[in-house]
PDB file of N, CA and C in Angstrom:
ATOM      1  N   UNK A   1     118.186  98.041 100.664  1.00  0.00           N
ATOM      2  CA  UNK A   1     118.948  98.740  99.635  1.00  0.00           C
ATOM      3  C   UNK A   1     119.628  97.863  98.623  1.00  0.00           C
ATOM      4  N   UNK A   2     119.180  96.116  98.930  1.00  0.00           N
ATOM      5  CA  UNK A   2     120.015  95.564  97.490  1.00  0.00           C
ATOM      6  C   UNK A   2     118.668  94.874  97.464  1.00  0.00           C
ATOM      7  N   UNK A   3     117.800  94.390  98.244  1.00  0.00           N
ATOM      8  CA  UNK A   3     116.460  93.887  97.812  1.00  0.00           C
ATOM      9  C   UNK A   3     115.854  94.550  96.417  1.00  0.00           C
ATOM     10  N   UNK A   4     115.283  93.510  95.384  1.00  0.00           N
ATOM     11  CA  UNK A   4     114.655  94.227  94.298  1.00  0.00           C
ATOM     12  C   UNK A   4     113.489  95.194  94.650  1.00  0.00           C
ATOM     13  N   UNK A   5     112.921  96.132  93.673  1.00  0.00           N
ATOM     14  CA  UNK A   5     111.610  96.678  94.102  1.00  0.00           C
ATOM     15  C   UNK A   5     110.598  95.868  93.787  1.00  0.00           C
ATOM     16  N   UNK A   6     109.531  95.386  94.788  1.00  0.00           N
ATOM     17  CA  UNK A   6     108.544  94.853  94.661  1.00  0.00           C
ATOM     18  C   UNK A   6     107.472  95.557  93.297  1.00  0.00           C
ATOM     19  N   UNK A   7     106.289  94.293  93.332  1.00  0.00           N
ATOM     20  CA  UNK A   7     105.335  95.023  92.131  1.00  0.00           C
ATOM     21  C   UNK A   7     104.740  95.744  93.515  1.00  0.00           C
ATOM     22  N   UNK A   8     104.097  95.375  94.490  1.00  0.00           N
ATOM     23  CA  UNK A   8     103.311  95.523  95.528  1.00  0.00           C
ATOM     24  C   UNK A   8     104.425  95.623  96.872  1.00  0.00           C
ATOM     25  N   UNK A   9     103.678  96.795  97.634  1.00  0.00           N
ATOM     26  CA  UNK A   9     104.530  96.841  98.884  1.00  0.00           C
ATOM     27  C   UNK A   9     103.287  97.017  99.757  1.00  0.00           C
ATOM     28  N   UNK A  10     103.471  96.703 101.034  1.00  0.00           N
ATOM     29  CA  UNK A  10     102.988  96.612 102.080  1.00  0.00           C
ATOM     30  C   UNK A  10     102.275  97.989 102.586  1.00  0.00           C
ATOM     31  N   UNK A  11     101.465  97.718 103.474  1.00  0.00           N
ATOM     32  CA  UNK A  11     100.728  99.044 103.883  1.00  0.00           C
ATOM     33  C   UNK A  11     100.401  99.110 105.297  1.00  0.00           C
ATOM     34  N   UNK A  12     101.037 100.301 105.903  1.00  0.00           N
ATOM     35  CA  UNK A  12     100.875 100.208 107.337  1.00  0.00           C
ATOM     36  C   UNK A  12      99.623 101.623 107.612  1.00  0.00           C
ATOM     37  N   UNK A  13      98.850 101.564 108.248  1.00  0.00           N
ATOM     38  CA  UNK A  13      98.288 100.253 109.049  1.00  0.00           C
ATOM     39  C   UNK A  13      97.502  99.284 107.903  1.00  0.00           C
ATOM     40  N   UNK A  14      97.433  97.958 108.167  1.00  0.00           N
ATOM     41  CA  UNK A  14      97.283  96.977 107.555  1.00  0.00           C
ATOM     42  C   UNK A  14      95.315  97.714 107.355  1.00  0.00           C
ATOM     43  N   UNK A  15      94.737  98.162 108.308  1.00  0.00           N
ATOM     44  CA  UNK A  15      93.194  98.262 108.139  1.00  0.00           C
ATOM     45  C   UNK A  15      92.704  99.730 107.634  1.00  0.00           C
ATOM     46  N   UNK A  16      93.534 100.462 107.219  1.00  0.00           N
ATOM     47  CA  UNK A  16      93.447 101.902 106.353  1.00  0.00           C
ATOM     48  C   UNK A  16      92.531 101.523 105.226  1.00  0.00           C
ATOM     49  N   UNK A  17      91.637 102.370 105.316  1.00  0.00           N
ATOM     50  CA  UNK A  17      90.570 102.539 104.207  1.00  0.00           C
ATOM     51  C   UNK A  17      91.472 102.514 102.644  1.00  0.00           C
ATOM     52  N   UNK A  18      92.149 103.201 102.281  1.00  0.00           N
ATOM     53  CA  UNK A  18      93.097 103.434 101.622  1.00  0.00           C
ATOM     54  C   UNK A  18      93.769 101.666 101.028  1.00  0.00           C
ATOM     55  N   UNK A  19      94.133 101.172 101.913  1.00  0.00           N
ATOM     56  CA  UNK A  19      95.024 100.260 102.099  1.00  0.00           C
ATOM     57  C   UNK A  19      93.742  98.628 101.922  1.00  0.00           C
ATOM     58  N   UNK A  20      92.735  98.668 102.246  1.00  0.00           N
ATOM     59  CA  UNK A  20      91.418  97.994 101.776  1.00  0.00           C
ATOM     60  C   UNK A  20      91.096  98.328 100.151  1.00  0.00           C
ATOM     61  N   UNK A  21      91.193  99.245  99.670  1.00  0.00           N
ATOM     62  CA  UNK A  21      91.101  99.948  98.519  1.00  0.00           C
ATOM     63  C   UNK A  21      92.244  99.382  97.777  1.00  0.00           C
ATOM     64  N   UNK A  22      93.826  99.487  97.768  1.00  0.00           N
ATOM     65  CA  UNK A  22      95.071  99.241  97.041  1.00  0.00           C
ATOM     66  C   UNK A  22      94.652  97.481  97.281  1.00  0.00           C
ATOM     67  N   UNK A  23      93.938  96.744  98.227  1.00  0.00           N
ATOM     68  CA  UNK A  23      94.536  95.441  98.082  1.00  0.00           C
ATOM     69  C   UNK A  23      92.524  95.155  97.104  1.00  0.00           C
ATOM     70  N   UNK A  24      92.215  95.574  97.607  1.00  0.00           N
ATOM     71  CA  UNK A  24      91.058  95.124  96.189  1.00  0.00           C
ATOM     72  C   UNK A  24      91.134  95.575  94.809  1.00  0.00           C
ATOM     73  N   UNK A  25      92.123  96.438  94.791  1.00  0.00           N
ATOM     74  CA  UNK A  25      92.740  96.897  93.669  1.00  0.00           C
ATOM     75  C   UNK A  25      93.639  95.661  92.642  1.00  0.00           C
ATOM     76  N   UNK A  26      94.445  95.241  93.832  1.00  0.00           N
ATOM     77  CA  UNK A  26      95.371  94.561  93.558  1.00  0.00           C
ATOM     78  C   UNK A  26      94.640  93.119  92.982  1.00  0.00           C
ATOM     79  N   UNK A  27      93.780  92.644  93.763  1.00  0.00           N
ATOM     80  CA  UNK A  27      93.018  91.469  93.404  1.00  0.00           C
ATOM     81  C   UNK A  27      92.153  91.749  92.136  1.00  0.00           C
ATOM     82  N   UNK A  28      91.184  92.890  91.785  1.00  0.00           N
ATOM     83  CA  UNK A  28      90.941  92.785  90.487  1.00  0.00           C
ATOM     84  C   UNK A  28      91.629  92.956  89.219  1.00  0.00           C
ATOM     85  N   UNK A  29      92.855  93.686  89.882  1.00  0.00           N
ATOM     86  CA  UNK A  29      94.329  93.533  88.358  1.00  0.00           C
ATOM     87  C   UNK A  29      94.365  92.027  88.282  1.00  0.00           C
ATOM     88  N   UNK A  30      94.416  91.334  89.305  1.00  0.00           N
ATOM     89  CA  UNK A  30      95.296  90.138  89.500  1.00  0.00           C
ATOM     90  C   UNK A  30      94.100  89.326  88.403  1.00  0.00           C
ATOM     91  N   UNK A  31      92.614  89.241  89.036  1.00  0.00           N
ATOM     92  CA  UNK A  31      91.612  88.470  88.196  1.00  0.00           C
ATOM     93  C   UNK A  31      91.992  88.845  86.460  1.00  0.00           C
ATOM     94  N   UNK A  32      91.994  89.868  86.150  1.00  0.00           N
ATOM     95  CA  UNK A  32      91.889  90.510  85.256  1.00  0.00           C
ATOM     96  C   UNK A  32      92.999  90.028  84.180  1.00  0.00           C
ATOM     97  N   UNK A  33      94.152  89.943  84.643  1.00  0.00           N
ATOM     98  CA  UNK A  33      95.527  89.596  83.855  1.00  0.00           C
ATOM     99  C   UNK A  33      94.787  87.749  83.914  1.00  0.00           C
ATOM    100  N   UNK A  34      94.746  87.089  85.393  1.00  0.00           N
ATOM    101  CA  UNK A  34      95.017  85.552  84.620  1.00  0.00           C
ATOM    102  C   UNK A  34      93.654  84.868  85.308  1.00  0.00           C
ATOM    103  N   UNK A  35      92.089  85.654  85.325  1.00  0.00           N
ATOM    104  CA  UNK A  35      91.163  84.809  84.916  1.00  0.00           C
ATOM    105  C   UNK A  35      91.051  84.376  86.929  1.00  0.00           C
ATOM    106  N   UNK A  36      90.128  83.653  87.380  1.00  0.00           N
ATOM    107  CA  UNK A  36      89.328  83.194  88.582  1.00  0.00           C
ATOM    108  C   UNK A  36      90.304  82.440  88.936  1.00  0.00           C
ATOM    109  N   UNK A  37      90.494  82.453  90.653  1.00  0.00           N
ATOM    110  CA  UNK A  37      91.676  81.682  90.543  1.00  0.00           C
ATOM    111  C   UNK A  37      91.534  80.161  90.978  1.00  0.00           C
ATOM    112  N   UNK A  38      92.017  79.000  90.695  1.00  0.00           N
ATOM    113  CA  UNK A  38      91.367  77.535  90.407  1.00  0.00           C
ATOM    114  C   UNK A  38      91.385  77.205  91.867  1.00  0.00           C
ATOM    115  N   UNK A  39      92.117  77.200  92.934  1.00  0.00           N
ATOM    116  CA  UNK A  39      91.218  76.981  94.829  1.00  0.00           C
ATOM    117  C   UNK A  39      92.095  77.770  95.935  1.00  0.00           C
ATOM    118  N   UNK A  40      91.670  78.307  96.560  1.00  0.00           N
ATOM    119  CA  UNK A  40      92.225  78.930  97.358  1.00  0.00           C
ATOM    120  C   UNK A  40      93.501  78.089  98.122  1.00  0.00           C
ATOM    121  N   UNK A  41      94.878  79.057  97.866  1.00  0.00           N
ATOM    122  CA  UNK A  41      95.976  78.218  98.670  1.00  0.00           C
ATOM    123  C   UNK A  41      96.320  79.571  98.878  1.00  0.00           C
ATOM    124  N   UNK A  42      97.175  78.922 100.103  1.00  0.00           N
ATOM    125  CA  UNK A  42      98.009  80.016 100.638  1.00  0.00           C
ATOM    126  C   UNK A  42      99.775  79.917  99.505  1.00  0.00           C
ATOM    127  N   UNK A  43      99.848  78.639  99.788  1.00  0.00           N
ATOM    128  CA  UNK A  43     100.735  79.019  98.505  1.00  0.00           C
ATOM    129  C   UNK A  43     101.271  79.744  97.521  1.00  0.00           C
ATOM    130  N   UNK A  44      99.931  79.873  96.900  1.00  0.00           N
ATOM    131  CA  UNK A  44      99.932  80.433  95.965  1.00  0.00           C
ATOM    132  C   UNK A  44      99.883  82.469  95.743  1.00  0.00           C
ATOM    133  N   UNK A  45      99.458  82.469  97.256  1.00  0.00           N
ATOM    134  CA  UNK A  45      99.586  84.237  96.798  1.00  0.00           C
ATOM    135  C   UNK A  45     100.668  84.305  97.196  1.00  0.00           C
ATOM    136  N   UNK A  46     100.505  85.768  96.527  1.00  0.00           N
ATOM    137  CA  UNK A  46     101.636  86.734  96.771  1.00  0.00           C
ATOM    138  C   UNK A  46     102.009  87.285  98.321  1.00  0.00           C
ATOM    139  N   UNK A  47     103.341  86.920  97.955  1.00  0.00           N
ATOM    140  CA  UNK A  47     104.153  87.293  99.308  1.00  0.00           C
ATOM    141  C   UNK A  47     104.114  88.727  99.228  1.00  0.00           C
ATOM    142  N   UNK A  48     103.849  89.167 100.479  1.00  0.00           N
ATOM    143  CA  UNK A  48     104.219  90.473 101.267  1.00  0.00           C
ATOM    144  C   UNK A  48     105.293  91.154 101.182  1.00  0.00           C
ATOM    145  N   UNK A  49     106.129  92.182 100.530  1.00  0.00           N
ATOM    146  CA  UNK A  49     107.222  92.415 100.554  1.00  0.00           C
ATOM    147  C   UNK A  49     107.753  93.351 101.373  1.00  0.00           C
ATOM    148  N   UNK A  50     108.787  92.841 102.231  1.00  0.00           N
ATOM    149  CA  UNK A  50     109.435  93.614 103.678  1.00  0.00           C
ATOM    150  C   UNK A  50     110.495  94.736 103.215  1.00  0.00           C
ATOM    151  N   UNK A  51     110.693  94.923 101.909  1.00  0.00           N
ATOM    152  CA  UNK A  51     111.552  95.938 100.970  1.00  0.00           C
ATOM    153  C   UNK A  51     111.354  97.397 101.404  1.00  0.00           C
ATOM    154  N   UNK A  52     110.149  97.396 100.934  1.00  0.00           N
ATOM    155  CA  UNK A  52     108.777  98.608 100.734  1.00  0.00           C
ATOM    156  C   UNK A  52     107.595  98.573 101.609  1.00  0.00           C
ATOM    157  N   UNK A  53     107.250  99.927 102.076  1.00  0.00           N
ATOM    158  CA  UNK A  53     106.480  99.683 102.985  1.00  0.00           C
ATOM    159  C   UNK A  53     105.378 101.116 102.875  1.00  0.00           C
ATOM    160  N   UNK A  54     103.902 101.168 102.862  1.00  0.00           N
ATOM    161  CA  UNK A  54     103.676 102.413 102.272  1.00  0.00           C
ATOM    162  C   UNK A  54     103.148 102.660 103.673  1.00  0.00           C
ATOM    163  N   UNK A  55     103.257 103.850 104.031  1.00  0.00           N
ATOM    164  CA  UNK A  55     102.699 104.449 105.315  1.00  0.00           C
ATOM    165  C   UNK A  55     102.157 105.534 104.800  1.00  0.00           C
ATOM    166  N   UNK A  56     100.176 105.026 105.119  1.00  0.00           N
ATOM    167  CA  UNK A  56      98.942 105.638 105.273  1.00  0.00           C
ATOM    168  C   UNK A  56      98.468 106.744 106.040  1.00  0.00           C
ATOM    169  N   UNK A  57      99.551 106.933 106.907  1.00  0.00           N
ATOM    170  CA  UNK A  57      98.723 107.274 108.152  1.00  0.00           C
ATOM    171  C   UNK A  57      99.026 108.577 108.180  1.00  0.00           C
ATOM    172  N   UNK A  58      99.552 109.228 107.049  1.00  0.00           N
ATOM    173  CA  UNK A  58      99.866 110.379 107.228  1.00  0.00           C
ATOM    174  C   UNK A  58      99.738 111.272 106.048  1.00  0.00           C
ATOM    175  N   UNK A  59      99.084 112.500 105.875  1.00  0.00           N
ATOM    176  CA  UNK A  59      98.808 112.902 104.254  1.00  0.00           C
ATOM    177  C   UNK A  59      98.870 114.648 104.222  1.00  0.00           C
ATOM    178  N   UNK A  60      98.659 115.047 103.160  1.00  0.00           N
ATOM    179  CA  UNK A  60      98.744 116.648 103.043  1.00  0.00           C
ATOM    180  C   UNK A  60     100.809 117.034 104.122  1.00  0.00           C
ATOM    181  N   UNK A  61     101.503 116.185 103.146  1.00  0.00           N
ATOM    182  CA  UNK A  61     103.097 116.319 104.040  1.00  0.00           C
ATOM    183  C   UNK A  61     103.488 117.396 102.956  1.00  0.00           C
ATOM    184  N   UNK A  62     104.037 118.275 103.666  1.00  0.00           N
ATOM    185  CA  UNK A  62     104.688 119.514 103.788  1.00  0.00           C
ATOM    186  C   UNK A  62     105.998 119.276 103.843  1.00  0.00           C
ATOM    187  N   UNK A  63     106.592 118.583 104.591  1.00  0.00           N
ATOM    188  CA  UNK A  63     108.389 118.865 104.149  1.00  0.00           C
ATOM    189  C   UNK A  63     108.238 117.150 105.261  1.00  0.00           C
ATOM    190  N   UNK A  64     109.390 116.354 104.418  1.00  0.00           N
ATOM    191  CA  UNK A  64     109.998 114.750 105.409  1.00  0.00           C
ATOM    192  C   UNK A  64     110.923 115.036 105.004  1.00  0.00           C
ATOM    193  N   UNK A  65     111.839 114.399 106.277  1.00  0.00           N
ATOM    194  CA  UNK A  65     113.649 114.432 106.376  1.00  0.00           C
ATOM    195  C   UNK A  65     114.031 113.825 107.318  1.00  0.00           C
ATOM    196  N   UNK A  66     115.069 112.942 107.237  1.00  0.00           N
ATOM    197  CA  UNK A  66     115.690 112.232 108.050  1.00  0.00           C
ATOM    198  C   UNK A  66     116.898 113.468 109.012  1.00  0.00           C
ATOM    199  N   UNK A  67     116.250 112.536 110.217  1.00  0.00           N
ATOM    200  CA  UNK A  67     117.120 113.794 110.968  1.00  0.00           C
ATOM    201  C   UNK A  67     118.424 112.834 111.504  1.00  0.00           C
ATOM    202  N   UNK A  68     118.448 111.703 111.661  1.00  0.00           N
ATOM    203  CA  UNK A  68     119.150 110.720 112.263  1.00  0.00           C
ATOM    204  C   UNK A  68     119.004 109.348 112.141  1.00  0.00           C
ATOM    205  N   UNK A  69     120.461 108.354 112.170  1.00  0.00           N
ATOM    206  CA  UNK A  69     120.176 107.132 111.703  1.00  0.00           C
ATOM    207  C   UNK A  69     118.607 106.947 112.068  1.00  0.00           C
ATOM    208  N   UNK A  70     117.862 106.045 111.472  1.00  0.00           N
ATOM    209  CA  UNK A  70     116.477 105.254 112.020  1.00  0.00           C
ATOM    210  C   UNK A  70     115.408 106.446 112.583  1.00  0.00           C
ATOM    211  N   UNK A  71     116.090 107.984 112.875  1.00  0.00           N
ATOM    212  CA  UNK A  71     114.785 109.114 112.590  1.00  0.00           C
ATOM    213  C   UNK A  71     114.432 110.369 111.520  1.00  0.00           C
ATOM    214  N   UNK A  72     112.999 110.313 111.897  1.00  0.00           N
ATOM    215  CA  UNK A  72     112.816 110.866 110.382  1.00  0.00           C
ATOM    216  C   UNK A  72     111.804 111.785 110.964  1.00  0.00           C
ATOM    217  N   UNK A  73     111.687 113.178 110.521  1.00  0.00           N
ATOM    218  CA  UNK A  73     110.445 114.161 110.969  1.00  0.00           C
ATOM    219  C   UNK A  73     109.730 114.230 109.752  1.00  0.00           C
ATOM    220  N   UNK A  74     108.602 114.270 109.689  1.00  0.00           N
ATOM    221  CA  UNK A  74     107.368 114.549 108.931  1.00  0.00           C
ATOM    222  C   UNK A  74     106.818 116.231 109.582  1.00  0.00           C
ATOM    223  N   UNK A  75     106.562 116.718 108.291  1.00  0.00           N
ATOM    224  CA  UNK A  75     105.277 117.873 108.664  1.00  0.00           C
ATOM    225  C   UNK A  75     104.336 117.597 108.049  1.00  0.00           C
ATOM    226  N   UNK A  76     102.621 117.752 108.001  1.00  0.00           N
ATOM    227  CA  UNK A  76     102.107 117.646 107.849  1.00  0.00           C
ATOM    228  C   UNK A  76     100.886 118.700 107.915  1.00  0.00           C
ATOM    229  N   UNK A  77     100.083 119.497 107.520  1.00  0.00           N
ATOM    230  CA  UNK A  77      98.990 120.382 107.409  1.00  0.00           C
ATOM    231  C   UNK A  77      97.999 119.867 106.919  1.00  0.00           C
ATOM    232  N   UNK A  78      96.729 119.028 107.560  1.00  0.00           N
ATOM    233  CA  UNK A  78      95.254 119.024 107.332  1.00  0.00           C
ATOM    234  C   UNK A  78      94.554 119.988 106.686  1.00  0.00           C
ATOM    235  N   UNK A  79      93.741 119.517 105.761  1.00  0.00           N
ATOM    236  CA  UNK A  79      92.726 119.807 104.884  1.00  0.00           C
ATOM    237  C   UNK A  79      91.823 120.570 105.374  1.00  0.00           C
ATOM    238  N   UNK A  80      91.697 120.569 106.241  1.00  0.00           N
ATOM    239  CA  UNK A  80      90.926 121.601 107.201  1.00  0.00           C
ATOM    240  C   UNK A  80      91.384 122.961 107.811  1.00  0.00           C
ATOM    241  N   UNK A  81      92.824 123.116 108.180  1.00  0.00           N
ATOM    242  CA  UNK A  81      93.488 124.316 108.491  1.00  0.00           C
ATOM    243  C   UNK A  81      93.647 125.091 107.403  1.00  0.00           C
ATOM    244  N   UNK A  82      93.921 124.481 105.993  1.00  0.00           N
ATOM    245  CA  UNK A  82      93.794 124.681 105.127  1.00  0.00           C
ATOM    246  C   UNK A  82      92.384 126.061 104.511  1.00  0.00           C
ATOM    247  N   UNK A  83      91.386 125.286 104.957  1.00  0.00           N
ATOM    248  CA  UNK A  83      90.275 125.306 104.319  1.00  0.00           C
ATOM    249  C   UNK A  83      89.977 126.715 105.409  1.00  0.00           C
ATOM    250  N   UNK A  84      90.149 126.412 106.386  1.00  0.00           N
ATOM    251  CA  UNK A  84      89.685 127.398 107.311  1.00  0.00           C
ATOM    252  C   UNK A  84      90.804 129.456 106.937  1.00  0.00           C
ATOM    253  N   UNK A  85      92.005 129.420 106.122  1.00  0.00           N
ATOM    254  CA  UNK A  85      92.182 130.160 106.255  1.00  0.00           C
ATOM    255  C   UNK A  85      91.970 130.789 104.894  1.00  0.00           C
ATOM    256  N   UNK A  86      91.187 130.133 104.012  1.00  0.00           N
ATOM    257  CA  UNK A  86      90.621 130.573 102.752  1.00  0.00           C
ATOM    258  C   UNK A  86      89.972 131.852 103.326  1.00  0.00           C
ATOM    259  N   UNK A  87      89.751 132.821 101.942  1.00  0.00           N
ATOM    260  CA  UNK A  87      88.582 134.120 102.380  1.00  0.00           C
ATOM    261  C   UNK A  87      87.288 133.496 102.127  1.00  0.00           C
ATOM    262  N   UNK A  88      86.595 134.464 102.474  1.00  0.00           N
ATOM    263  CA  UNK A  88      84.715 133.584 101.970  1.00  0.00           C
ATOM    264  C   UNK A  88      84.883 134.166 100.458  1.00  0.00           C
ATOM    265  N   UNK A  89      83.795 133.387  99.726  1.00  0.00           N
ATOM    266  CA  UNK A  89      83.499 133.604  98.585  1.00  0.00           C
ATOM    267  C   UNK A  89      82.599 134.696  98.380  1.00  0.00           C
ATOM    268  N   UNK A  90      82.829 135.889  97.314  1.00  0.00           N
ATOM    269  CA  UNK A  90      83.244 137.114  96.736  1.00  0.00           C
ATOM    270  C   UNK A  90      81.455 137.345  96.185  1.00  0.00           C
ATOM    271  N   UNK A  91      80.954 136.060  95.393  1.00  0.00           N
ATOM    272  CA  UNK A  91      80.234 136.337  95.076  1.00  0.00           C
ATOM    273  C   UNK A  91      79.485 134.088  95.587  1.00  0.00           C
ATOM    274  N   UNK A  92      78.083 134.122  95.722  1.00  0.00           N
ATOM    275  CA  UNK A  92      77.526 132.940  95.500  1.00  0.00           C
ATOM    276  C   UNK A  92      76.188 132.219  95.015  1.00  0.00           C
ATOM    277  N   UNK A  93      75.972 131.853  93.607  1.00  0.00           N
ATOM    278  CA  UNK A  93      74.525 132.168  93.100  1.00  0.00           C
ATOM    279  C   UNK A  93      74.307 130.634  93.810  1.00  0.00           C
ATOM    280  N   UNK A  94      72.941 130.728  94.107  1.00  0.00           N
ATOM    281  CA  UNK A  94      72.061 129.934  95.228  1.00  0.00           C
ATOM    282  C   UNK A  94      70.476 129.678  93.540  1.00  0.00           C
ATOM    283  N   UNK A  95      70.837 128.127  93.640  1.00  0.00           N
ATOM    284  CA  UNK A  95      69.922 127.475  92.916  1.00  0.00           C
ATOM    285  C   UNK A  95      68.858 126.897  93.536  1.00  0.00           C
ATOM    286  N   UNK A  96      67.384 126.665  93.197  1.00  0.00           N
ATOM    287  CA  UNK A  96      66.384 126.165  93.301  1.00  0.00           C
ATOM    288  C   UNK A  96      65.740 127.003  94.206  1.00  0.00           C
ATOM    289  N   UNK A  97      65.901 128.049  94.089  1.00  0.00           N
ATOM    290  CA  UNK A  97      65.219 128.692  95.302  1.00  0.00           C
ATOM    291  C   UNK A  97      63.959 129.824  94.445  1.00  0.00           C
TER     292      UNK A  97
END
């Protein structure tokens, strides 16, 4: 908690589709602000912060809370189960027939 808030946080899992999109967006933002890199060097690459990690494994979170030290509970409901509970449409227009 004493560490500063980073501009960009690392993501978990790193191979997730949204993580790849976020990395691509970060590269585009860097290009727009500073132009093309002069040469590729590991020393010029931004450091990954260990202060924050964005977990992309969960979605449609209904509830999240800490239940003990180093223990957390997350309740999620996937969209598919929500859509299955919706009633059928009253009227449906069919185009092109």
